[in-house]
């Protein structure tokens, strides 16, 4: 499992460049929800897939939804998103 920092570096290598405000949203969400790195990385991934770019408010809302529903793994997050039809992935 990658840390959030490692995941952001990985995404940068794939061509995703995050502005300072996006980085701020990512770490705000991490501290606000006390989510694991796996859940942060999953929320980033799902945000990019749904929005085609990083949308900070979408990311925080998605992360809050996952955490409030006690989702704690990438696999469970994807299953939850599909079951609830929250985003098309």
PDB file of N, CA and C in Angstrom:
ATOM      1  N   UNK A   1       0.840  -1.187   0.000  1.00  0.00           N
ATOM      2  CA  UNK A   1       0.000   0.000   0.000  1.00  0.00           C
ATOM      3  C   UNK A   1       0.881   1.245   0.000  1.00  0.00           C
ATOM      4  N   UNK A   2       0.511   2.205  -0.810  1.00  0.00           N
ATOM      5  CA  UNK A   2       1.251   3.459  -0.906  1.00  0.00           C
ATOM      6  C   UNK A   2       0.742   4.465   0.122  1.00  0.00           C
ATOM      7  N   UNK A   3       1.674   5.298   0.605  1.00  0.00           N
ATOM      8  CA  UNK A   3       1.248   6.437   1.407  1.00  0.00           C
ATOM      9  C   UNK A   3       0.601   7.444   0.460  1.00  0.00           C
ATOM     10  N   UNK A   4      -0.075   8.422   1.016  1.00  0.00           N
ATOM     11  CA  UNK A   4      -0.686   9.466   0.181  1.00  0.00           C
ATOM     12  C   UNK A   4       0.404  10.180  -0.618  1.00  0.00           C
ATOM     13  N   UNK A   5       1.514  10.485   0.012  1.00  0.00           N
ATOM     14  CA  UNK A   5       2.612  11.171  -0.675  1.00  0.00           C
ATOM     15  C   UNK A   5       3.138  10.334  -1.840  1.00  0.00           C
ATOM     16  N   UNK A   6       3.309   9.030  -1.613  1.00  0.00           N
ATOM     17  CA  UNK A   6       3.773   8.137  -2.680  1.00  0.00           C
ATOM     18  C   UNK A   6       2.749   8.065  -3.811  1.00  0.00           C
ATOM     19  N   UNK A   7       1.473   8.026  -3.469  1.00  0.00           N
ATOM     20  CA  UNK A   7       0.419   7.952  -4.479  1.00  0.00           C
ATOM     21  C   UNK A   7       0.387   9.224  -5.320  1.00  0.00           C
ATOM     22  N   UNK A   8       0.537  10.373  -4.674  1.00  0.00           N
ATOM     23  CA  UNK A   8       0.564  11.639  -5.421  1.00  0.00           C
ATOM     24  C   UNK A   8       1.773  11.683  -6.359  1.00  0.00           C
ATOM     25  N   UNK A   9       2.901  11.180  -5.883  1.00  0.00           N
ATOM     26  CA  UNK A   9       4.104  11.129  -6.733  1.00  0.00           C
ATOM     27  C   UNK A   9       3.874  10.177  -7.915  1.00  0.00           C
ATOM     28  N   UNK A  10       3.238   9.045  -7.661  1.00  0.00           N
ATOM     29  CA  UNK A  10       2.889   8.087  -8.723  1.00  0.00           C
ATOM     30  C   UNK A  10       1.984   8.753  -9.766  1.00  0.00           C
ATOM     31  N   UNK A  11       0.959   9.468  -9.295  1.00  0.00           N
ATOM     32  CA  UNK A  11       0.033  10.134 -10.220  1.00  0.00           C
ATOM     33  C   UNK A  11       0.743  11.223 -11.024  1.00  0.00           C
ATOM     34  N   UNK A  12       1.676  11.917 -10.388  1.00  0.00           N
ATOM     35  CA  UNK A  12       2.451  12.935 -11.102  1.00  0.00           C
ATOM     36  C   UNK A  12       3.215  12.299 -12.256  1.00  0.00           C
ATOM     37  N   UNK A  13       3.754  11.105 -12.015  1.00  0.00           N
ATOM     38  CA  UNK A  13       4.451  10.367 -13.066  1.00  0.00           C
ATOM     39  C   UNK A  13       3.531   9.954 -14.201  1.00  0.00           C
ATOM     40  N   UNK A  14       2.225   9.854 -13.916  1.00  0.00           N
ATOM     41  CA  UNK A  14       1.223   9.507 -14.923  1.00  0.00           C
ATOM     42  C   UNK A  14       0.642  10.742 -15.608  1.00  0.00           C
ATOM     43  N   UNK A  15       1.110  11.927 -15.201  1.00  0.00           N
ATOM     44  CA  UNK A  15       0.653  13.146 -15.865  1.00  0.00           C
ATOM     45  C   UNK A  15      -0.348  13.981 -15.095  1.00  0.00           C
ATOM     46  N   UNK A  16      -0.715  13.558 -13.896  1.00  0.00           N
ATOM     47  CA  UNK A  16      -1.634  14.358 -13.078  1.00  0.00           C
ATOM     48  C   UNK A  16      -0.826  15.298 -12.196  1.00  0.00           C
ATOM     49  N   UNK A  17      -0.994  16.578 -12.416  1.00  0.00           N
ATOM     50  CA  UNK A  17      -0.276  17.569 -11.620  1.00  0.00           C
ATOM     51  C   UNK A  17      -1.275  18.278 -10.725  1.00  0.00           C
ATOM     52  N   UNK A  18      -1.040  18.208  -9.435  1.00  0.00           N
ATOM     53  CA  UNK A  18      -1.941  18.798  -8.455  1.00  0.00           C
ATOM     54  C   UNK A  18      -1.441  20.176  -8.036  1.00  0.00           C
ATOM     55  N   UNK A  19      -2.339  21.142  -8.048  1.00  0.00           N
ATOM     56  CA  UNK A  19      -2.018  22.493  -7.579  1.00  0.00           C
ATOM     57  C   UNK A  19      -1.974  22.488  -6.052  1.00  0.00           C
ATOM     58  N   UNK A  20      -1.427  23.562  -5.488  1.00  0.00           N
ATOM     59  CA  UNK A  20      -1.319  23.673  -4.029  1.00  0.00           C
ATOM     60  C   UNK A  20      -2.676  23.532  -3.342  1.00  0.00           C
ATOM     61  N   UNK A  21      -3.729  24.138  -3.916  1.00  0.00           N
ATOM     62  CA  UNK A  21      -5.047  24.050  -3.276  1.00  0.00           C
ATOM     63  C   UNK A  21      -5.564  22.614  -3.283  1.00  0.00           C
ATOM     64  N   UNK A  22      -5.266  21.851  -4.328  1.00  0.00           N
ATOM     65  CA  UNK A  22      -5.686  20.445  -4.379  1.00  0.00           C
ATOM     66  C   UNK A  22      -4.962  19.642  -3.305  1.00  0.00           C
ATOM     67  N   UNK A  23      -3.681  19.874  -3.147  1.00  0.00           N
ATOM     68  CA  UNK A  23      -2.911  19.194  -2.106  1.00  0.00           C
ATOM     69  C   UNK A  23      -3.498  19.546  -0.737  1.00  0.00           C
ATOM     70  N   UNK A  24      -3.874  20.802  -0.573  1.00  0.00           N
ATOM     71  CA  UNK A  24      -4.498  21.243   0.676  1.00  0.00           C
ATOM     72  C   UNK A  24      -5.788  20.500   0.959  1.00  0.00           C
ATOM     73  N   UNK A  25      -6.637  20.347  -0.069  1.00  0.00           N
ATOM     74  CA  UNK A  25      -7.895  19.606   0.094  1.00  0.00           C
ATOM     75  C   UNK A  25      -7.624  18.142   0.462  1.00  0.00           C
ATOM     76  N   UNK A  26      -6.648  17.556  -0.180  1.00  0.00           N
ATOM     77  CA  UNK A  26      -6.334  16.147   0.081  1.00  0.00           C
ATOM     78  C   UNK A  26      -5.965  15.947   1.546  1.00  0.00           C
ATOM     79  N   UNK A  27      -5.069  16.793   2.049  1.00  0.00           N
ATOM     80  CA  UNK A  27      -4.631  16.613   3.432  1.00  0.00           C
ATOM     81  C   UNK A  27      -5.652  17.134   4.436  1.00  0.00           C
ATOM     82  N   UNK A  28      -6.468  18.104   4.042  1.00  0.00           N
ATOM     83  CA  UNK A  28      -7.583  18.519   4.897  1.00  0.00           C
ATOM     84  C   UNK A  28      -8.531  17.335   5.096  1.00  0.00           C
ATOM     85  N   UNK A  29      -8.893  16.672   4.000  1.00  0.00           N
ATOM     86  CA  UNK A  29      -9.785  15.521   4.074  1.00  0.00           C
ATOM     87  C   UNK A  29      -9.207  14.403   4.925  1.00  0.00           C
ATOM     88  N   UNK A  30      -7.912  14.191   4.799  1.00  0.00           N
ATOM     89  CA  UNK A  30      -7.248  13.143   5.587  1.00  0.00           C
ATOM     90  C   UNK A  30      -7.370  13.439   7.080  1.00  0.00           C
ATOM     91  N   UNK A  31      -7.086  14.669   7.462  1.00  0.00           N
ATOM     92  CA  UNK A  31      -7.139  15.026   8.880  1.00  0.00           C
ATOM     93  C   UNK A  31      -8.579  15.163   9.381  1.00  0.00           C
ATOM     94  N   UNK A  32      -9.451  15.694   8.550  1.00  0.00           N
ATOM     95  CA  UNK A  32     -10.846  15.912   8.928  1.00  0.00           C
ATOM     96  C   UNK A  32     -11.571  14.598   9.200  1.00  0.00           C
ATOM     97  N   UNK A  33     -11.299  13.576   8.371  1.00  0.00           N
ATOM     98  CA  UNK A  33     -11.992  12.298   8.496  1.00  0.00           C
ATOM     99  C   UNK A  33     -11.175  11.248   9.251  1.00  0.00           C
ATOM    100  N   UNK A  34      -9.888  11.522   9.451  1.00  0.00           N
ATOM    101  CA  UNK A  34      -8.986  10.559  10.086  1.00  0.00           C
ATOM    102  C   UNK A  34      -8.954   9.248   9.297  1.00  0.00           C
ATOM    103  N   UNK A  35      -9.064   9.370   7.975  1.00  0.00           N
ATOM    104  CA  UNK A  35      -9.095   8.205   7.089  1.00  0.00           C
ATOM    105  C   UNK A  35      -7.693   7.642   6.875  1.00  0.00           C
ATOM    106  N   UNK A  36      -7.653   6.368   6.557  1.00  0.00           N
ATOM    107  CA  UNK A  36      -6.380   5.708   6.253  1.00  0.00           C
ATOM    108  C   UNK A  36      -5.854   6.189   4.900  1.00  0.00           C
ATOM    109  N   UNK A  37      -4.567   5.963   4.674  1.00  0.00           N
ATOM    110  CA  UNK A  37      -3.986   6.312   3.374  1.00  0.00           C
ATOM    111  C   UNK A  37      -4.693   5.572   2.245  1.00  0.00           C
ATOM    112  N   UNK A  38      -5.079   4.309   2.486  1.00  0.00           N
ATOM    113  CA  UNK A  38      -5.788   3.542   1.459  1.00  0.00           C
ATOM    114  C   UNK A  38      -7.095   4.233   1.070  1.00  0.00           C
ATOM    115  N   UNK A  39      -7.823   4.738   2.052  1.00  0.00           N
ATOM    116  CA  UNK A  39      -9.098   5.399   1.751  1.00  0.00           C
ATOM    117  C   UNK A  39      -8.870   6.758   1.086  1.00  0.00           C
ATOM    118  N   UNK A  40      -7.843   7.478   1.501  1.00  0.00           N
ATOM    119  CA  UNK A  40      -7.521   8.758   0.853  1.00  0.00           C
ATOM    120  C   UNK A  40      -7.176   8.506  -0.609  1.00  0.00           C
ATOM    121  N   UNK A  41      -6.300   7.541  -0.854  1.00  0.00           N
ATOM    122  CA  UNK A  41      -5.892   7.232  -2.225  1.00  0.00           C
ATOM    123  C   UNK A  41      -7.087   6.778  -3.063  1.00  0.00           C
ATOM    124  N   UNK A  42      -7.973   6.003  -2.471  1.00  0.00           N
ATOM    125  CA  UNK A  42      -9.173   5.550  -3.181  1.00  0.00           C
ATOM    126  C   UNK A  42     -10.082   6.723  -3.517  1.00  0.00           C
ATOM    127  N   UNK A  43     -10.261   7.640  -2.577  1.00  0.00           N
ATOM    128  CA  UNK A  43     -11.095   8.824  -2.834  1.00  0.00           C
ATOM    129  C   UNK A  43     -10.486   9.692  -3.923  1.00  0.00           C
ATOM    130  N   UNK A  44      -9.163   9.821  -3.935  1.00  0.00           N
ATOM    131  CA  UNK A  44      -8.489  10.575  -5.006  1.00  0.00           C
ATOM    132  C   UNK A  44      -8.749   9.887  -6.342  1.00  0.00           C
ATOM    133  N   UNK A  45      -8.529   8.581  -6.394  1.00  0.00           N
ATOM    134  CA  UNK A  45      -8.736   7.813  -7.626  1.00  0.00           C
ATOM    135  C   UNK A  45     -10.161   7.960  -8.148  1.00  0.00           C
ATOM    136  N   UNK A  46     -11.132   7.775  -7.272  1.00  0.00           N
ATOM    137  CA  UNK A  46     -12.535   7.854  -7.692  1.00  0.00           C
ATOM    138  C   UNK A  46     -12.920   9.271  -8.110  1.00  0.00           C
ATOM    139  N   UNK A  47     -12.353  10.258  -7.450  1.00  0.00           N
ATOM    140  CA  UNK A  47     -12.601  11.651  -7.843  1.00  0.00           C
ATOM    141  C   UNK A  47     -12.079  11.911  -9.241  1.00  0.00           C
ATOM    142  N   UNK A  48     -10.869  11.464  -9.518  1.00  0.00           N
ATOM    143  CA  UNK A  48     -10.291  11.665 -10.853  1.00  0.00           C
ATOM    144  C   UNK A  48     -11.098  10.918 -11.923  1.00  0.00           C
ATOM    145  N   UNK A  49     -11.558   9.731 -11.608  1.00  0.00           N
ATOM    146  CA  UNK A  49     -12.348   8.967 -12.582  1.00  0.00           C
ATOM    147  C   UNK A  49     -13.705   9.615 -12.832  1.00  0.00           C
ATOM    148  N   UNK A  50     -14.324  10.136 -11.786  1.00  0.00           N
ATOM    149  CA  UNK A  50     -15.656  10.726 -11.931  1.00  0.00           C
ATOM    150  C   UNK A  50     -15.616  12.111 -12.542  1.00  0.00           C
ATOM    151  N   UNK A  51     -14.632  12.905 -12.153  1.00  0.00           N
ATOM    152  CA  UNK A  51     -14.594  14.314 -12.547  1.00  0.00           C
ATOM    153  C   UNK A  51     -13.624  14.602 -13.702  1.00  0.00           C
ATOM    154  N   UNK A  52     -12.775  13.657 -14.022  1.00  0.00           N
ATOM    155  CA  UNK A  52     -11.744  13.809 -15.065  1.00  0.00           C
ATOM    156  C   UNK A  52     -10.665  14.822 -14.693  1.00  0.00           C
ATOM    157  N   UNK A  53     -10.775  15.370 -13.497  1.00  0.00           N
ATOM    158  CA  UNK A  53      -9.765  16.249 -12.922  1.00  0.00           C
ATOM    159  C   UNK A  53     -10.013  16.225 -11.418  1.00  0.00           C
ATOM    160  N   UNK A  54      -9.135  16.861 -10.652  1.00  0.00           N
ATOM    161  CA  UNK A  54      -9.330  16.846  -9.204  1.00  0.00           C
ATOM    162  C   UNK A  54     -10.265  17.977  -8.803  1.00  0.00           C
ATOM    163  N   UNK A  55     -11.346  17.618  -8.138  1.00  0.00           N
ATOM    164  CA  UNK A  55     -12.332  18.565  -7.621  1.00  0.00           C
ATOM    165  C   UNK A  55     -12.326  18.398  -6.104  1.00  0.00           C
ATOM    166  N   UNK A  56     -11.786  19.378  -5.398  1.00  0.00           N
ATOM    167  CA  UNK A  56     -11.597  19.274  -3.959  1.00  0.00           C
ATOM    168  C   UNK A  56     -12.864  19.049  -3.177  1.00  0.00           C
ATOM    169  N   UNK A  57     -13.924  19.771  -3.525  1.00  0.00           N
ATOM    170  CA  UNK A  57     -15.169  19.614  -2.766  1.00  0.00           C
ATOM    171  C   UNK A  57     -15.802  18.250  -3.033  1.00  0.00           C
ATOM    172  N   UNK A  58     -15.720  17.752  -4.265  1.00  0.00           N
ATOM    173  CA  UNK A  58     -16.226  16.420  -4.585  1.00  0.00           C
ATOM    174  C   UNK A  58     -15.454  15.369  -3.786  1.00  0.00           C
ATOM    175  N   UNK A  59     -14.129  15.509  -3.768  1.00  0.00           N
ATOM    176  CA  UNK A  59     -13.260  14.581  -3.044  1.00  0.00           C
ATOM    177  C   UNK A  59     -13.620  14.522  -1.556  1.00  0.00           C
ATOM    178  N   UNK A  60     -13.747  15.685  -0.910  1.00  0.00           N
ATOM    179  CA  UNK A  60     -14.057  15.714   0.524  1.00  0.00           C
ATOM    180  C   UNK A  60     -15.432  15.102   0.780  1.00  0.00           C
ATOM    181  N   UNK A  61     -16.410  15.415  -0.057  1.00  0.00           N
ATOM    182  CA  UNK A  61     -17.747  14.860   0.095  1.00  0.00           C
ATOM    183  C   UNK A  61     -17.740  13.340  -0.075  1.00  0.00           C
ATOM    184  N   UNK A  62     -17.040  12.869  -1.080  1.00  0.00           N
ATOM    185  CA  UNK A  62     -16.925  11.424  -1.318  1.00  0.00           C
ATOM    186  C   UNK A  62     -16.245  10.747  -0.135  1.00  0.00           C
ATOM    187  N   UNK A  63     -15.160  11.330   0.332  1.00  0.00           N
ATOM    188  CA  UNK A  63     -14.429  10.762   1.464  1.00  0.00           C
ATOM    189  C   UNK A  63     -15.314  10.712   2.716  1.00  0.00           C
ATOM    190  N   UNK A  64     -16.036  11.782   2.975  1.00  0.00           N
ATOM    191  CA  UNK A  64     -16.962  11.806   4.117  1.00  0.00           C
ATOM    192  C   UNK A  64     -18.010  10.702   3.988  1.00  0.00           C
ATOM    193  N   UNK A  65     -18.550  10.527   2.790  1.00  0.00           N
ATOM    194  CA  UNK A  65     -19.562   9.493   2.550  1.00  0.00           C
ATOM    195  C   UNK A  65     -18.995   8.107   2.813  1.00  0.00           C
ATOM    196  N   UNK A  66     -17.812   7.853   2.316  1.00  0.00           N
ATOM    197  CA  UNK A  66     -17.192   6.540   2.520  1.00  0.00           C
ATOM    198  C   UNK A  66     -16.942   6.282   4.000  1.00  0.00           C
ATOM    199  N   UNK A  67     -16.372   7.253   4.689  1.00  0.00           N
ATOM    200  CA  UNK A  67     -16.029   7.079   6.098  1.00  0.00           C
ATOM    201  C   UNK A  67     -17.297   6.953   6.952  1.00  0.00           C
ATOM    202  N   UNK A  68     -18.302   7.769   6.672  1.00  0.00           N
ATOM    203  CA  UNK A  68     -19.535   7.714   7.473  1.00  0.00           C
ATOM    204  C   UNK A  68     -20.278   6.393   7.277  1.00  0.00           C
ATOM    205  N   UNK A  69     -20.024   5.718   6.164  1.00  0.00           N
ATOM    206  CA  UNK A  69     -20.628   4.412   5.911  1.00  0.00           C
ATOM    207  C   UNK A  69     -19.692   3.261   6.303  1.00  0.00           C
ATOM    208  N   UNK A  70     -18.654   3.615   7.052  1.00  0.00           N
ATOM    209  CA  UNK A  70     -17.691   2.651   7.589  1.00  0.00           C
ATOM    210  C   UNK A  70     -17.026   1.799   6.514  1.00  0.00           C
ATOM    211  N   UNK A  71     -16.763   2.415   5.375  1.00  0.00           N
ATOM    212  CA  UNK A  71     -16.031   1.758   4.296  1.00  0.00           C
ATOM    213  C   UNK A  71     -14.551   1.912   4.621  1.00  0.00           C
ATOM    214  N   UNK A  72     -13.812   0.806   4.605  1.00  0.00           N
ATOM    215  CA  UNK A  72     -12.410   0.914   5.015  1.00  0.00           C
ATOM    216  C   UNK A  72     -11.411   0.242   4.071  1.00  0.00           C
ATOM    217  N   UNK A  73     -11.867  -0.116   2.874  1.00  0.00           N
ATOM    218  CA  UNK A  73     -10.939  -0.671   1.885  1.00  0.00           C
ATOM    219  C   UNK A  73     -11.331  -0.197   0.485  1.00  0.00           C
ATOM    220  N   UNK A  74     -10.384  -0.233  -0.418  1.00  0.00           N
ATOM    221  CA  UNK A  74     -10.628   0.176  -1.798  1.00  0.00           C
ATOM    222  C   UNK A  74     -11.716  -0.707  -2.417  1.00  0.00           C
ATOM    223  N   UNK A  75     -11.602  -1.998  -2.196  1.00  0.00           N
ATOM    224  CA  UNK A  75     -12.573  -2.953  -2.738  1.00  0.00           C
ATOM    225  C   UNK A  75     -13.986  -2.637  -2.251  1.00  0.00           C
ATOM    226  N   UNK A  76     -14.133  -2.403  -0.950  1.00  0.00           N
ATOM    227  CA  UNK A  76     -15.451  -2.072  -0.401  1.00  0.00           C
ATOM    228  C   UNK A  76     -15.948  -0.724  -0.909  1.00  0.00           C
ATOM    229  N   UNK A  77     -15.035   0.223  -1.096  1.00  0.00           N
ATOM    230  CA  UNK A  77     -15.417   1.551  -1.598  1.00  0.00           C
ATOM    231  C   UNK A  77     -15.982   1.450  -3.011  1.00  0.00           C
ATOM    232  N   UNK A  78     -15.318   0.694  -3.847  1.00  0.00           N
ATOM    233  CA  UNK A  78     -15.784   0.546  -5.235  1.00  0.00           C
ATOM    234  C   UNK A  78     -17.127  -0.186  -5.263  1.00  0.00           C
ATOM    235  N   UNK A  79     -17.264  -1.217  -4.449  1.00  0.00           N
ATOM    236  CA  UNK A  79     -18.542  -1.934  -4.372  1.00  0.00           C
ATOM    237  C   UNK A  79     -19.649  -0.981  -3.894  1.00  0.00           C
ATOM    238  N   UNK A  80     -19.388  -0.192  -2.870  1.00  0.00           N
ATOM    239  CA  UNK A  80     -20.361   0.758  -2.326  1.00  0.00           C
ATOM    240  C   UNK A  80     -20.771   1.779  -3.384  1.00  0.00           C
ATOM    241  N   UNK A  81     -19.801   2.334  -4.089  1.00  0.00           N
ATOM    242  CA  UNK A  81     -20.065   3.343  -5.127  1.00  0.00           C
ATOM    243  C   UNK A  81     -20.959   2.748  -6.217  1.00  0.00           C
ATOM    244  N   UNK A  82     -20.662   1.517  -6.626  1.00  0.00           N
ATOM    245  CA  UNK A  82     -21.458   0.864  -7.668  1.00  0.00           C
ATOM    246  C   UNK A  82     -22.861   0.545  -7.176  1.00  0.00           C
ATOM    247  N   UNK A  83     -22.969   0.013  -5.952  1.00  0.00           N
ATOM    248  CA  UNK A  83     -24.282  -0.352  -5.407  1.00  0.00           C
ATOM    249  C   UNK A  83     -25.180   0.870  -5.261  1.00  0.00           C
ATOM    250  N   UNK A  84     -24.616   1.959  -4.792  1.00  0.00           N
ATOM    251  CA  UNK A  84     -25.395   3.180  -4.556  1.00  0.00           C
ATOM    252  C   UNK A  84     -25.520   4.041  -5.814  1.00  0.00           C
ATOM    253  N   UNK A  85     -24.807   3.625  -6.882  1.00  0.00           N
ATOM    254  CA  UNK A  85     -24.811   4.366  -8.143  1.00  0.00           C
ATOM    255  C   UNK A  85     -24.460   5.845  -7.938  1.00  0.00           C
ATOM    256  N   UNK A  86     -23.439   6.074  -7.099  1.00  0.00           N
ATOM    257  CA  UNK A  86     -23.017   7.428  -6.784  1.00  0.00           C
ATOM    258  C   UNK A  86     -22.251   8.077  -7.927  1.00  0.00           C
ATOM    259  N   UNK A  87     -21.392   7.287  -8.553  1.00  0.00           N
ATOM    260  CA  UNK A  87     -20.661   7.789  -9.714  1.00  0.00           C
ATOM    261  C   UNK A  87     -20.509   6.649 -10.707  1.00  0.00           C
ATOM    262  N   UNK A  88     -20.353   6.988 -11.957  1.00  0.00           N
ATOM    263  CA  UNK A  88     -20.136   5.983 -12.995  1.00  0.00           C
ATOM    264  C   UNK A  88     -18.641   5.730 -13.125  1.00  0.00           C
ATOM    265  N   UNK A  89     -18.241   4.510 -12.815  1.00  0.00           N
ATOM    266  CA  UNK A  89     -16.820   4.161 -12.954  1.00  0.00           C
ATOM    267  C   UNK A  89     -16.667   2.902 -13.761  1.00  0.00           C
TER     268      UNK A  89
END
